[in-house]
Amino acid sequence: MKDFNGKVVVITGAGSGIGRELARQFAARGAVLALNDLHDLTLDETWHDLPAPARGLRRAFDVGDRTAIEDFAQETRQSLGRVDVMINNAGMSVRQQPAAAIAIEDYETTLRVNLWGVVYGSLAFLPYLRERDGASLVNISSVFGLFAFPGSGPYNISKFAVRGFTETLRVEFGKLLHVCCVHPGGIATNIHRNVAIDDPQERERFIRNFDKQARTTAAEAARQIIRAVERRQPRLLIGRDAYWIDKFTRLLPGSYERILARWYKPETFLGRAARRGDPPGAAGSSGSVR
């Protein structure tokens, strides 16, 4: 798809980060946008930053709500007449901790947004995408969908699952629809700043470490995603770190875990409460949607 003028593009998680940059750049290319975010305030900021012709539809809701996203898909088709591109971008994370120390509720919440949000969004929009020649479905996974990073159990599960689901759709619909799975590396967005950590010093350390690794801007990530839609790429790695991780896991598929295990120090991911001996899941659990 080379020309986005007049095309209807749906983006979830458009209130900040990659989602907001996608909205801006698609709008600059003449697209009409249907936007979602959990937070009405940040979605409104994105919306009013766009030129009037690009403002098609905006709805604030949780993508893990199946009924809400199905209603959004139907309303988009009815109001805007078509759907040409659907990007399942909304996501969240929780603080890094060993898998056994993370509250089960944090697993459930992360999977609700990161996995079920993608499944619901894809299935809700598939019938409308299939009406359009050259339509695209883009699902955002992560480098954490390529390798199991310690301390990120719920996030790893969700992103590996998004990868598997998207590749399944590509096999099943590849001749009828462009399906792309995106694996960003460290991207400078607010997702890490929204993670709830009770200890201020620990929170600041977590943010500082993430910022050091987030080498790619959200604007550059959005540019590469749009280019992948133009070129109908089945898979997109974003950032030098993503390429290295992809090579690392391909070259050492059976032993990369041992390398990570030698580097991994559980105390790095345990908060002050957990080190005091509190039960698993008690150390500042909870996360926020980006």
C-alpha atoms as a PDB file:
ATOM      1  CA  MET A   1       0.000   0.000   0.000  1.00  0.00           C
ATOM      2  CA  LYS A   2       1.858   3.054  -1.260  1.00  0.00           C
ATOM      3  CA  ASP A   3      -0.855   5.702  -1.012  1.00  0.00           C
ATOM      4  CA  PHE A   4      -2.640   6.353   2.284  1.00  0.00           C
ATOM      5  CA  ASN A   5      -4.687   9.299   1.089  1.00  0.00           C
ATOM      6  CA  GLY A   6      -8.289   8.695   2.138  1.00  0.00           C
ATOM      7  CA  LYS A   7      -7.464   5.272   3.600  1.00  0.00           C
ATOM      8  CA  VAL A   8      -8.952   4.426   6.999  1.00  0.00           C
ATOM      9  CA  VAL A   9      -6.305   3.481   9.558  1.00  0.00           C
ATOM     10  CA  VAL A  10      -7.206   2.101  13.004  1.00  0.00           C
ATOM     11  CA  ILE A  11      -4.678   2.462  15.836  1.00  0.00           C
ATOM     12  CA  THR A  12      -5.078   1.246  19.410  1.00  0.00           C
ATOM     13  CA  GLY A  13      -3.020   2.781  22.201  1.00  0.00           C
ATOM     14  CA  ALA A  14      -2.893   6.081  20.300  1.00  0.00           C
ATOM     15  CA  GLY A  15      -2.688   8.284  23.387  1.00  0.00           C
ATOM     16  CA  SER A  16       1.108   8.273  23.595  1.00  0.00           C
ATOM     17  CA  GLY A  17       4.339   6.744  22.338  1.00  0.00           C
ATOM     18  CA  ILE A  18       4.368   4.774  19.115  1.00  0.00           C
ATOM     19  CA  GLY A  19       0.586   4.990  18.783  1.00  0.00           C
ATOM     20  CA  ARG A  20       0.586   8.784  18.880  1.00  0.00           C
ATOM     21  CA  GLU A  21       3.440   8.973  16.377  1.00  0.00           C
ATOM     22  CA  LEU A  22       1.656   6.551  14.059  1.00  0.00           C
ATOM     23  CA  ALA A  23      -1.416   8.782  14.170  1.00  0.00           C
ATOM     24  CA  ARG A  24       0.625  11.884  13.351  1.00  0.00           C
ATOM     25  CA  GLN A  25       2.512  10.297  10.487  1.00  0.00           C
ATOM     26  CA  PHE A  26      -0.489   8.574   8.916  1.00  0.00           C
ATOM     27  CA  ALA A  27      -2.405  11.870   9.160  1.00  0.00           C
ATOM     28  CA  ALA A  28       0.441  13.619   7.342  1.00  0.00           C
ATOM     29  CA  ARG A  29       0.051  11.017   4.589  1.00  0.00           C
ATOM     30  CA  GLY A  30      -3.656  11.814   4.166  1.00  0.00           C
ATOM     31  CA  ALA A  31      -5.187   8.921   6.117  1.00  0.00           C
ATOM     32  CA  VAL A  32      -8.457   9.072   8.037  1.00  0.00           C
ATOM     33  CA  LEU A  33      -7.950   7.758  11.560  1.00  0.00           C
ATOM     34  CA  ALA A  34      -9.989   5.702  14.022  1.00  0.00           C
ATOM     35  CA  LEU A  35      -8.156   5.947  17.339  1.00  0.00           C
ATOM     36  CA  ASN A  36      -8.368   4.201  20.690  1.00  0.00           C
ATOM     37  CA  ASP A  37      -6.666   4.563  24.029  1.00  0.00           C
ATOM     38  CA  LEU A  38      -7.527   3.603  27.588  1.00  0.00           C
ATOM     39  CA  HIS A  39      -7.057   7.170  28.796  1.00  0.00           C
ATOM     40  CA  ASP A  40      -9.470   9.732  27.414  1.00  0.00           C
ATOM     41  CA  LEU A  41      -7.223  12.677  28.306  1.00  0.00           C
ATOM     42  CA  THR A  42      -4.140  11.498  26.411  1.00  0.00           C
ATOM     43  CA  LEU A  43      -6.274  10.315  23.497  1.00  0.00           C
ATOM     44  CA  ASP A  44      -7.823  13.783  23.359  1.00  0.00           C
ATOM     45  CA  GLU A  45      -4.331  15.315  23.208  1.00  0.00           C
ATOM     46  CA  THR A  46      -3.452  13.151  20.225  1.00  0.00           C
ATOM     47  CA  TRP A  47      -6.784  13.892  18.569  1.00  0.00           C
ATOM     48  CA  HIS A  48      -6.492  17.671  18.751  1.00  0.00           C
ATOM     49  CA  ASP A  49      -2.927  17.530  17.476  1.00  0.00           C
ATOM     50  CA  LEU A  50      -4.180  16.102  14.159  1.00  0.00           C
ATOM     51  CA  PRO A  51      -5.426  18.001  11.122  1.00  0.00           C
ATOM     52  CA  ALA A  52      -9.221  18.049  10.888  1.00  0.00           C
ATOM     53  CA  PRO A  53      -9.470  15.833   7.763  1.00  0.00           C
ATOM     54  CA  ALA A  54      -7.674  13.030   9.625  1.00  0.00           C
ATOM     55  CA  ARG A  55     -10.115  12.957  12.560  1.00  0.00           C
ATOM     56  CA  GLY A  56     -12.431  10.089  11.780  1.00  0.00           C
ATOM     57  CA  LEU A  57     -13.360   8.468  15.094  1.00  0.00           C
ATOM     58  CA  ARG A  58     -11.987   8.329  18.624  1.00  0.00           C
ATOM     59  CA  ARG A  59     -13.068   6.050  21.462  1.00  0.00           C
ATOM     60  CA  ALA A  60     -11.514   5.546  24.913  1.00  0.00           C
ATOM     61  CA  PHE A  61     -11.839   2.001  26.252  1.00  0.00           C
ATOM     62  CA  ASP A  62      -9.876  -1.005  27.454  1.00  0.00           C
ATOM     63  CA  VAL A  63      -8.817  -3.186  24.508  1.00  0.00           C
ATOM     64  CA  GLY A  64      -9.182  -6.194  26.808  1.00  0.00           C
ATOM     65  CA  ASP A  65     -12.941  -5.583  26.748  1.00  0.00           C
ATOM     66  CA  ARG A  66     -14.162  -7.799  23.917  1.00  0.00           C
ATOM     67  CA  THR A  67     -17.541  -6.134  23.548  1.00  0.00           C
ATOM     68  CA  ALA A  68     -16.011  -2.647  23.463  1.00  0.00           C
ATOM     69  CA  ILE A  69     -13.567  -3.435  20.682  1.00  0.00           C
ATOM     70  CA  GLU A  70     -16.177  -5.307  18.653  1.00  0.00           C
ATOM     71  CA  ASP A  71     -18.452  -2.255  18.930  1.00  0.00           C
ATOM     72  CA  PHE A  72     -15.506  -0.044  17.918  1.00  0.00           C
ATOM     73  CA  ALA A  73     -14.887  -2.146  14.821  1.00  0.00           C
ATOM     74  CA  GLN A  74     -18.531  -2.037  13.789  1.00  0.00           C
ATOM     75  CA  GLU A  75     -18.780   1.701  14.412  1.00  0.00           C
ATOM     76  CA  THR A  76     -15.602   2.362  12.426  1.00  0.00           C
ATOM     77  CA  ARG A  77     -16.941   0.455   9.428  1.00  0.00           C
ATOM     78  CA  GLN A  78     -20.349   2.124   9.624  1.00  0.00           C
ATOM     79  CA  SER A  79     -19.074   5.664  10.242  1.00  0.00           C
ATOM     80  CA  LEU A  80     -16.036   5.719   7.955  1.00  0.00           C
ATOM     81  CA  GLY A  81     -17.171   3.224   5.339  1.00  0.00           C
ATOM     82  CA  ARG A  82     -14.049   1.063   5.193  1.00  0.00           C
ATOM     83  CA  VAL A  83     -11.030  -0.238   7.091  1.00  0.00           C
ATOM     84  CA  ASP A  84      -7.699  -0.393   5.266  1.00  0.00           C
ATOM     85  CA  VAL A  85      -5.125  -0.752   8.062  1.00  0.00           C
ATOM     86  CA  MET A  86      -5.531  -2.060  11.614  1.00  0.00           C
ATOM     87  CA  ILE A  87      -2.635  -1.660  14.067  1.00  0.00           C
ATOM     88  CA  ASN A  88      -2.942  -3.399  17.439  1.00  0.00           C
ATOM     89  CA  ASN A  89      -0.475  -1.240  19.344  1.00  0.00           C
ATOM     90  CA  ALA A  90      -1.932  -0.901  22.864  1.00  0.00           C
ATOM     91  CA  GLY A  91       0.162  -2.577  25.520  1.00  0.00           C
ATOM     92  CA  MET A  92       1.277  -2.516  29.135  1.00  0.00           C
ATOM     93  CA  SER A  93       3.972  -3.846  31.416  1.00  0.00           C
ATOM     94  CA  VAL A  94       4.527  -4.535  35.107  1.00  0.00           C
ATOM     95  CA  ARG A  95       7.643  -4.040  37.193  1.00  0.00           C
ATOM     96  CA  GLN A  96      10.454  -6.534  36.718  1.00  0.00           C
ATOM     97  CA  GLN A  97      10.448  -9.335  39.253  1.00  0.00           C
ATOM     98  CA  PRO A  98      11.152 -13.071  39.238  1.00  0.00           C
ATOM     99  CA  ALA A  99       8.200 -14.991  37.810  1.00  0.00           C
ATOM    100  CA  ALA A 100       7.354 -16.610  41.154  1.00  0.00           C
ATOM    101  CA  ALA A 101       7.221 -13.218  42.910  1.00  0.00           C
ATOM    102  CA  ILE A 102       4.717 -11.615  40.530  1.00  0.00           C
ATOM    103  CA  ALA A 103       1.105 -11.521  41.654  1.00  0.00           C
ATOM    104  CA  ILE A 104      -1.179 -13.725  39.568  1.00  0.00           C
ATOM    105  CA  GLU A 105      -3.411 -10.673  39.054  1.00  0.00           C
ATOM    106  CA  ASP A 106      -0.536  -8.986  37.199  1.00  0.00           C
ATOM    107  CA  TYR A 107      -0.254 -11.971  34.874  1.00  0.00           C
ATOM    108  CA  GLU A 108      -3.981 -11.774  34.191  1.00  0.00           C
ATOM    109  CA  THR A 109      -4.002  -8.013  33.613  1.00  0.00           C
ATOM    110  CA  THR A 110      -0.989  -8.091  31.293  1.00  0.00           C
ATOM    111  CA  LEU A 111      -2.434 -10.914  29.214  1.00  0.00           C
ATOM    112  CA  ARG A 112      -5.817  -9.194  29.093  1.00  0.00           C
ATOM    113  CA  VAL A 113      -4.303  -6.115  27.451  1.00  0.00           C
ATOM    114  CA  ASN A 114      -1.275  -7.393  25.535  1.00  0.00           C
ATOM    115  CA  LEU A 115      -2.666 -10.690  24.277  1.00  0.00           C
ATOM    116  CA  TRP A 116      -6.456 -10.627  24.405  1.00  0.00           C
ATOM    117  CA  GLY A 117      -6.486  -7.025  23.224  1.00  0.00           C
ATOM    118  CA  VAL A 118      -4.612  -8.128  20.095  1.00  0.00           C
ATOM    119  CA  VAL A 119      -6.752 -11.233  19.586  1.00  0.00           C
ATOM    120  CA  TYR A 120     -10.022  -9.332  20.059  1.00  0.00           C
ATOM    121  CA  GLY A 121      -8.863  -6.448  17.873  1.00  0.00           C
ATOM    122  CA  SER A 122      -7.642  -8.679  15.077  1.00  0.00           C
ATOM    123  CA  LEU A 123     -10.746 -10.860  14.976  1.00  0.00           C
ATOM    124  CA  ALA A 124     -13.117  -7.888  15.230  1.00  0.00           C
ATOM    125  CA  PHE A 125     -11.544  -6.056  12.290  1.00  0.00           C
ATOM    126  CA  LEU A 126     -10.644  -9.033  10.065  1.00  0.00           C
ATOM    127  CA  PRO A 127     -14.013  -9.157   8.238  1.00  0.00           C
ATOM    128  CA  TYR A 128     -13.726  -5.470   7.320  1.00  0.00           C
ATOM    129  CA  LEU A 129     -10.068  -5.707   6.339  1.00  0.00           C
ATOM    130  CA  ARG A 130     -10.871  -8.585   4.006  1.00  0.00           C
ATOM    131  CA  GLU A 131     -13.302  -6.329   2.140  1.00  0.00           C
ATOM    132  CA  ARG A 132     -10.392  -4.161   0.967  1.00  0.00           C
ATOM    133  CA  ASP A 133      -7.745  -5.098  -1.580  1.00  0.00           C
ATOM    134  CA  GLY A 134      -4.291  -4.450  -0.156  1.00  0.00           C
ATOM    135  CA  ALA A 135      -5.440  -4.121   3.457  1.00  0.00           C
ATOM    136  CA  SER A 136      -2.985  -4.633   6.332  1.00  0.00           C
ATOM    137  CA  LEU A 137      -3.165  -6.026   9.846  1.00  0.00           C
ATOM    138  CA  VAL A 138      -0.206  -5.077  12.063  1.00  0.00           C
ATOM    139  CA  ASN A 139       0.309  -6.554  15.537  1.00  0.00           C
ATOM    140  CA  ILE A 140       2.955  -5.192  17.873  1.00  0.00           C
ATOM    141  CA  SER A 141       4.931  -7.889  19.655  1.00  0.00           C
ATOM    142  CA  SER A 142       8.386  -7.099  21.096  1.00  0.00           C
ATOM    143  CA  VAL A 143      11.943  -8.372  21.265  1.00  0.00           C
ATOM    144  CA  PHE A 144      10.547 -10.064  24.367  1.00  0.00           C
ATOM    145  CA  GLY A 145       8.572 -12.159  21.894  1.00  0.00           C
ATOM    146  CA  LEU A 146      11.922 -13.416  20.536  1.00  0.00           C
ATOM    147  CA  PHE A 147      13.703 -14.329  23.770  1.00  0.00           C
ATOM    148  CA  ALA A 148      12.691 -14.856  27.395  1.00  0.00           C
ATOM    149  CA  PHE A 149      14.131 -11.921  29.321  1.00  0.00           C
ATOM    150  CA  PRO A 150      14.387 -12.664  33.071  1.00  0.00           C
ATOM    151  CA  GLY A 151      12.161 -10.662  35.368  1.00  0.00           C
ATOM    152  CA  SER A 152       9.516 -10.075  32.683  1.00  0.00           C
ATOM    153  CA  GLY A 153       7.404 -13.228  32.816  1.00  0.00           C
ATOM    154  CA  PRO A 154       3.941 -11.764  32.084  1.00  0.00           C
ATOM    155  CA  TYR A 155       5.266  -9.505  29.348  1.00  0.00           C
ATOM    156  CA  ASN A 156       7.271 -12.330  27.753  1.00  0.00           C
ATOM    157  CA  ILE A 157       4.240 -14.616  27.727  1.00  0.00           C
ATOM    158  CA  SER A 158       2.044 -11.999  26.115  1.00  0.00           C
ATOM    159  CA  LYS A 159       4.528 -11.025  23.415  1.00  0.00           C
ATOM    160  CA  PHE A 160       5.480 -14.606  22.507  1.00  0.00           C
ATOM    161  CA  ALA A 161       1.760 -15.319  22.203  1.00  0.00           C
ATOM    162  CA  VAL A 162       1.165 -12.269  19.990  1.00  0.00           C
ATOM    163  CA  ARG A 163       3.931 -13.504  17.725  1.00  0.00           C
ATOM    164  CA  GLY A 164       2.402 -16.989  17.492  1.00  0.00           C
ATOM    165  CA  PHE A 165      -1.098 -15.647  16.894  1.00  0.00           C
ATOM    166  CA  THR A 166       0.079 -13.228  14.201  1.00  0.00           C
ATOM    167  CA  GLU A 167       2.135 -15.858  12.401  1.00  0.00           C
ATOM    168  CA  THR A 168      -0.901 -18.146  12.445  1.00  0.00           C
ATOM    169  CA  LEU A 169      -3.010 -15.436  10.810  1.00  0.00           C
ATOM    170  CA  ARG A 170      -0.295 -14.867   8.218  1.00  0.00           C
ATOM    171  CA  VAL A 171      -0.323 -18.542   7.272  1.00  0.00           C
ATOM    172  CA  GLU A 172      -4.108 -18.633   7.083  1.00  0.00           C
ATOM    173  CA  PHE A 173      -4.762 -15.253   5.420  1.00  0.00           C
ATOM    174  CA  GLY A 174      -1.425 -14.448   3.782  1.00  0.00           C
ATOM    175  CA  LYS A 175      -2.817 -14.704   0.258  1.00  0.00           C
ATOM    176  CA  LEU A 176      -5.781 -12.465   1.087  1.00  0.00           C
ATOM    177  CA  LEU A 177      -4.356  -9.948   3.531  1.00  0.00           C
ATOM    178  CA  HIS A 178      -1.034  -8.408   4.518  1.00  0.00           C
ATOM    179  CA  VAL A 179      -0.230  -9.479   8.089  1.00  0.00           C
ATOM    180  CA  CYS A 180       2.832  -8.073   9.865  1.00  0.00           C
ATOM    181  CA  CYS A 181       4.337  -8.871  13.267  1.00  0.00           C
ATOM    182  CA  VAL A 182       6.474  -6.066  14.715  1.00  0.00           C
ATOM    183  CA  HIS A 183       9.285  -6.638  17.226  1.00  0.00           C
ATOM    184  CA  PRO A 184      10.487  -3.320  18.673  1.00  0.00           C
ATOM    185  CA  GLY A 185      13.582  -3.201  20.824  1.00  0.00           C
ATOM    186  CA  GLY A 186      14.061  -0.417  23.344  1.00  0.00           C
ATOM    187  CA  ILE A 187      11.750   2.425  22.300  1.00  0.00           C
ATOM    188  CA  ALA A 188      11.609   5.771  24.095  1.00  0.00           C
ATOM    189  CA  THR A 189       7.940   5.736  25.159  1.00  0.00           C
ATOM    190  CA  ASN A 190       6.112   6.191  28.463  1.00  0.00           C
ATOM    191  CA  ILE A 191       5.390   2.489  29.012  1.00  0.00           C
ATOM    192  CA  HIS A 192       8.171   2.152  31.593  1.00  0.00           C
ATOM    193  CA  ARG A 193       7.215   5.378  33.366  1.00  0.00           C
ATOM    194  CA  ASN A 194       3.687   4.055  33.878  1.00  0.00           C
ATOM    195  CA  VAL A 195       4.830   0.952  35.748  1.00  0.00           C
ATOM    196  CA  ALA A 196       3.786   1.168  39.395  1.00  0.00           C
ATOM    197  CA  ILE A 197       6.739   0.778  41.796  1.00  0.00           C
ATOM    198  CA  ASP A 198       6.212   1.767  45.420  1.00  0.00           C
ATOM    199  CA  ASP A 199       9.838   2.501  46.333  1.00  0.00           C
ATOM    200  CA  PRO A 200      10.766   5.913  44.775  1.00  0.00           C
ATOM    201  CA  GLN A 201      14.464   5.054  44.550  1.00  0.00           C
ATOM    202  CA  GLU A 202      13.751   1.720  42.910  1.00  0.00           C
ATOM    203  CA  ARG A 203      11.331   3.374  40.483  1.00  0.00           C
ATOM    204  CA  GLU A 204      13.883   6.019  39.517  1.00  0.00           C
ATOM    205  CA  ARG A 205      16.549   3.343  39.015  1.00  0.00           C
ATOM    206  CA  PHE A 206      14.196   1.312  36.818  1.00  0.00           C
ATOM    207  CA  ILE A 207      13.341   4.356  34.664  1.00  0.00           C
ATOM    208  CA  ARG A 208      16.986   5.386  34.381  1.00  0.00           C
ATOM    209  CA  ASN A 209      18.094   1.912  33.281  1.00  0.00           C
ATOM    210  CA  PHE A 210      15.296   1.694  30.713  1.00  0.00           C
ATOM    211  CA  ASP A 211      16.116   5.128  29.298  1.00  0.00           C
ATOM    212  CA  LYS A 212      19.721   4.037  28.749  1.00  0.00           C
ATOM    213  CA  GLN A 213      18.510   1.093  26.653  1.00  0.00           C
ATOM    214  CA  ALA A 214      15.755   2.925  24.736  1.00  0.00           C
ATOM    215  CA  ARG A 215      17.836   4.044  21.779  1.00  0.00           C
ATOM    216  CA  THR A 216      15.051   4.358  19.213  1.00  0.00           C
ATOM    217  CA  THR A 217      12.532   7.190  19.242  1.00  0.00           C
ATOM    218  CA  ALA A 218       8.806   6.561  18.953  1.00  0.00           C
ATOM    219  CA  ALA A 219       8.772   8.676  15.785  1.00  0.00           C
ATOM    220  CA  GLU A 220      11.400   6.459  14.140  1.00  0.00           C
ATOM    221  CA  ALA A 221       9.550   3.305  15.204  1.00  0.00           C
ATOM    222  CA  ALA A 222       6.331   4.655  13.663  1.00  0.00           C
ATOM    223  CA  ARG A 223       8.165   5.554  10.450  1.00  0.00           C
ATOM    224  CA  GLN A 224       9.481   2.013  10.121  1.00  0.00           C
ATOM    225  CA  ILE A 225       6.047   0.479  10.792  1.00  0.00           C
ATOM    226  CA  ILE A 226       4.460   2.617   8.073  1.00  0.00           C
ATOM    227  CA  ARG A 227       7.235   1.633   5.693  1.00  0.00           C
ATOM    228  CA  ALA A 228       6.589  -2.031   6.535  1.00  0.00           C
ATOM    229  CA  VAL A 229       2.933  -1.534   5.568  1.00  0.00           C
ATOM    230  CA  GLU A 230       4.007   0.108   2.309  1.00  0.00           C
ATOM    231  CA  ARG A 231       6.360  -2.750   1.505  1.00  0.00           C
ATOM    232  CA  ARG A 232       4.016  -5.430   2.846  1.00  0.00           C
ATOM    233  CA  GLN A 233       6.711  -6.854   5.090  1.00  0.00           C
ATOM    234  CA  PRO A 234       5.652  -9.931   7.077  1.00  0.00           C
ATOM    235  CA  ARG A 235       8.010  -9.160   9.962  1.00  0.00           C
ATOM    236  CA  LEU A 236       9.701  -6.041  11.269  1.00  0.00           C
ATOM    237  CA  LEU A 237      12.552  -5.666  13.747  1.00  0.00           C
ATOM    238  CA  ILE A 238      12.983  -2.144  15.122  1.00  0.00           C
ATOM    239  CA  GLY A 239      16.308  -1.034  16.550  1.00  0.00           C
ATOM    240  CA  ARG A 240      19.823  -2.373  16.503  1.00  0.00           C
ATOM    241  CA  ASP A 241      19.129  -4.234  19.739  1.00  0.00           C
ATOM    242  CA  ALA A 242      16.251  -6.083  18.072  1.00  0.00           C
ATOM    243  CA  TYR A 243      18.519  -7.272  15.261  1.00  0.00           C
ATOM    244  CA  TRP A 244      21.168  -8.475  17.714  1.00  0.00           C
ATOM    245  CA  ILE A 245      18.628 -10.304  19.852  1.00  0.00           C
ATOM    246  CA  ASP A 246      17.115 -11.939  16.773  1.00  0.00           C
ATOM    247  CA  LYS A 247      20.565 -13.161  15.642  1.00  0.00           C
ATOM    248  CA  PHE A 248      21.459 -14.248  19.165  1.00  0.00           C
ATOM    249  CA  THR A 249      18.391 -16.455  19.563  1.00  0.00           C
ATOM    250  CA  ARG A 250      18.656 -17.866  16.030  1.00  0.00           C
ATOM    251  CA  LEU A 251      22.313 -18.805  16.425  1.00  0.00           C
ATOM    252  CA  LEU A 252      21.909 -20.195  19.949  1.00  0.00           C
ATOM    253  CA  PRO A 253      18.310 -21.382  20.193  1.00  0.00           C
ATOM    254  CA  GLY A 254      19.102 -24.125  22.697  1.00  0.00           C
ATOM    255  CA  SER A 255      21.643 -22.336  24.851  1.00  0.00           C
ATOM    256  CA  TYR A 256      20.837 -18.637  25.030  1.00  0.00           C
ATOM    257  CA  GLU A 257      18.910 -19.284  28.256  1.00  0.00           C
ATOM    258  CA  ARG A 258      22.069 -20.544  29.946  1.00  0.00           C
ATOM    259  CA  ILE A 259      23.912 -17.385  28.905  1.00  0.00           C
ATOM    260  CA  LEU A 260      21.151 -15.210  30.339  1.00  0.00           C
ATOM    261  CA  ALA A 261      21.021 -17.320  33.496  1.00  0.00           C
ATOM    262  CA  ARG A 262      24.724 -16.686  34.170  1.00  0.00           C
ATOM    263  CA  TRP A 263      24.113 -12.950  33.901  1.00  0.00           C
ATOM    264  CA  TYR A 264      20.819 -12.904  35.808  1.00  0.00           C
ATOM    265  CA  LYS A 265      20.853 -11.851  39.469  1.00  0.00           C
ATOM    266  CA  PRO A 266      17.447 -12.307  41.144  1.00  0.00           C
ATOM    267  CA  GLU A 267      18.128  -9.552  43.658  1.00  0.00           C
ATOM    268  CA  THR A 268      18.333  -7.073  40.768  1.00  0.00           C
ATOM    269  CA  PHE A 269      14.594  -7.477  40.193  1.00  0.00           C
ATOM    270  CA  LEU A 270      13.423  -7.880  43.778  1.00  0.00           C
ATOM    271  CA  GLY A 271      12.046  -4.755  45.407  1.00  0.00           C
ATOM    272  CA  ARG A 272      12.749  -3.749  48.979  1.00  0.00           C
ATOM    273  CA  ALA A 273       9.542  -5.362  50.235  1.00  0.00           C
ATOM    274  CA  ALA A 274      10.370  -8.702  48.659  1.00  0.00           C
ATOM    275  CA  ARG A 275      13.893  -8.629  50.102  1.00  0.00           C
ATOM    276  CA  ARG A 276      12.356  -8.189  53.553  1.00  0.00           C
ATOM    277  CA  GLY A 277      10.734 -11.579  53.080  1.00  0.00           C
ATOM    278  CA  ASP A 278       7.196 -10.631  52.102  1.00  0.00           C
ATOM    279  CA  PRO A 279       5.249 -13.326  50.213  1.00  0.00           C
ATOM    280  CA  PRO A 280       5.445 -13.624  46.415  1.00  0.00           C
ATOM    281  CA  GLY A 281       3.488 -10.913  44.655  1.00  0.00           C
ATOM    282  CA  ALA A 282       3.620  -8.498  47.596  1.00  0.00           C
ATOM    283  CA  ALA A 283       6.466  -6.341  46.329  1.00  0.00           C
ATOM    284  CA  GLY A 284       4.697  -3.477  44.621  1.00  0.00           C
ATOM    285  CA  SER A 285       2.769  -5.431  42.034  1.00  0.00           C
ATOM    286  CA  SER A 286       0.572  -3.736  39.435  1.00  0.00           C
ATOM    287  CA  GLY A 287       1.176  -2.146  36.093  1.00  0.00           C
ATOM    288  CA  SER A 288      -0.111   0.582  33.823  1.00  0.00           C
ATOM    289  CA  VAL A 289      -1.174   0.756  30.216  1.00  0.00           C
ATOM    290  CA  ARG A 290       0.984   2.888  28.003  1.00  0.00           C
END
